[in-house]
Amino acid sequence: MYVAKEEFEASGYVYSSGVLATLLDIMVHFGNPDEAEASLRKLNGLAADFVLDEHKLLDFATLLVSKNHFKVKMWLHGMLLCMCS
């Protein structure tokens, strides 16, 4: 899977927001918080107004908690602020 992603990026492929959201979901499913976060960062850079569905956000947060990810508190705090405003 990573080989295809690297080949796409090397060829100059520009990901759509929907593809990035799907990549986030796939990385969460396979338990890779760093790649999931990278997809989320790209998504935020590409389309800051893109609304990611709650299930993807909750699954990502659950992954961060399960992996004792050091950024989980800051990330959850930031997401809650965005969702409440």
Protein backbone atom coordinates (compact mmCIF):
# COMPACT_ATOMS: atom_id res chain seq x y z
CA MET A 1 0.00 0.00 0.00
CA TYR A 2 2.76 2.46 0.87
CA VAL A 3 4.52 1.80 -2.43
CA ALA A 4 1.48 2.97 -4.39
CA LYS A 5 1.22 6.10 -2.22
CA GLU A 6 4.88 6.90 -2.78
CA GLU A 7 4.52 6.35 -6.53
CA PHE A 8 1.53 8.69 -6.67
CA GLU A 9 3.40 11.39 -4.74
CA ALA A 10 6.53 10.98 -6.88
CA SER A 11 4.48 11.45 -10.05
CA GLY A 12 3.09 14.74 -8.73
CA TYR A 13 -0.40 13.45 -7.97
CA VAL A 14 -2.45 16.00 -6.03
CA TYR A 15 -4.78 14.38 -3.52
CA SER A 16 -8.36 15.56 -3.31
CA SER A 17 -9.84 16.23 0.11
CA GLY A 18 -11.97 13.09 -0.20
CA VAL A 19 -8.92 10.93 -0.94
CA LEU A 20 -7.06 12.41 2.04
CA ALA A 21 -10.03 11.71 4.31
CA THR A 22 -10.06 8.13 3.04
CA LEU A 23 -6.30 7.80 3.62
CA LEU A 24 -6.81 9.05 7.18
CA ASP A 25 -9.48 6.41 7.71
CA ILE A 26 -7.30 3.65 6.23
CA MET A 27 -4.30 4.61 8.36
CA VAL A 28 -6.50 4.62 11.46
CA HIS A 29 -7.87 1.19 10.50
CA PHE A 30 -4.32 -0.19 10.19
CA GLY A 31 -3.25 1.42 13.48
CA ASN A 32 -0.77 3.95 12.12
CA PRO A 33 -1.30 7.23 14.01
CA ASP A 34 1.64 9.04 12.40
CA GLU A 35 0.44 8.43 8.84
CA ALA A 36 -3.13 9.23 9.88
CA GLU A 37 -1.97 12.53 11.34
CA ALA A 38 0.03 13.28 8.18
CA SER A 39 -3.11 12.77 6.10
CA LEU A 40 -5.08 15.03 8.43
CA ARG A 41 -2.43 17.75 8.19
CA LYS A 42 -2.46 17.54 4.38
CA LEU A 43 -6.25 17.68 4.43
CA ASN A 44 -6.23 20.77 6.65
CA GLY A 45 -3.66 22.41 4.37
CA LEU A 46 -5.59 21.61 1.22
CA ALA A 47 -9.11 22.38 2.38
CA ALA A 48 -9.27 23.92 5.85
CA ASP A 49 -13.05 24.18 5.57
CA PHE A 50 -13.50 20.46 4.75
CA VAL A 51 -15.80 18.83 7.30
CA LEU A 52 -14.51 15.45 8.37
CA ASP A 53 -17.25 13.17 9.61
CA GLU A 54 -17.47 12.55 13.35
CA HIS A 55 -16.77 8.83 13.03
CA LYS A 56 -13.38 9.41 11.42
CA LEU A 57 -12.49 11.95 14.11
CA LEU A 58 -13.58 9.66 16.93
CA ASP A 59 -11.76 6.68 15.42
CA PHE A 60 -8.60 8.78 15.09
CA ALA A 61 -8.90 9.99 18.69
CA THR A 62 -9.45 6.40 19.86
CA LEU A 63 -6.32 5.31 18.01
CA LEU A 64 -4.29 8.10 19.61
CA VAL A 65 -5.53 7.14 23.07
CA SER A 66 -4.92 3.42 22.49
CA LYS A 67 -1.33 4.11 21.38
CA ASN A 68 -0.73 6.55 24.29
CA HIS A 69 0.15 9.10 21.65
CA PHE A 70 1.78 12.14 23.27
CA LYS A 71 -0.21 14.61 21.15
CA VAL A 72 -3.60 13.24 22.12
CA LYS A 73 -4.45 15.85 24.74
CA MET A 74 -3.49 18.79 22.56
CA TRP A 75 -5.24 17.33 19.51
CA LEU A 76 -8.46 16.54 21.37
CA HIS A 77 -8.49 19.99 22.94
CA GLY A 78 -8.04 21.62 19.53
CA MET A 79 -10.74 19.47 17.93
CA LEU A 80 -13.21 20.24 20.71
CA LEU A 81 -12.55 23.95 20.31
CA CYS A 82 -13.16 23.71 16.55
CA MET A 83 -16.33 21.65 16.97
CA CYS A 84 -17.78 24.02 19.56
CA SER A 85 -17.17 27.24 17.68
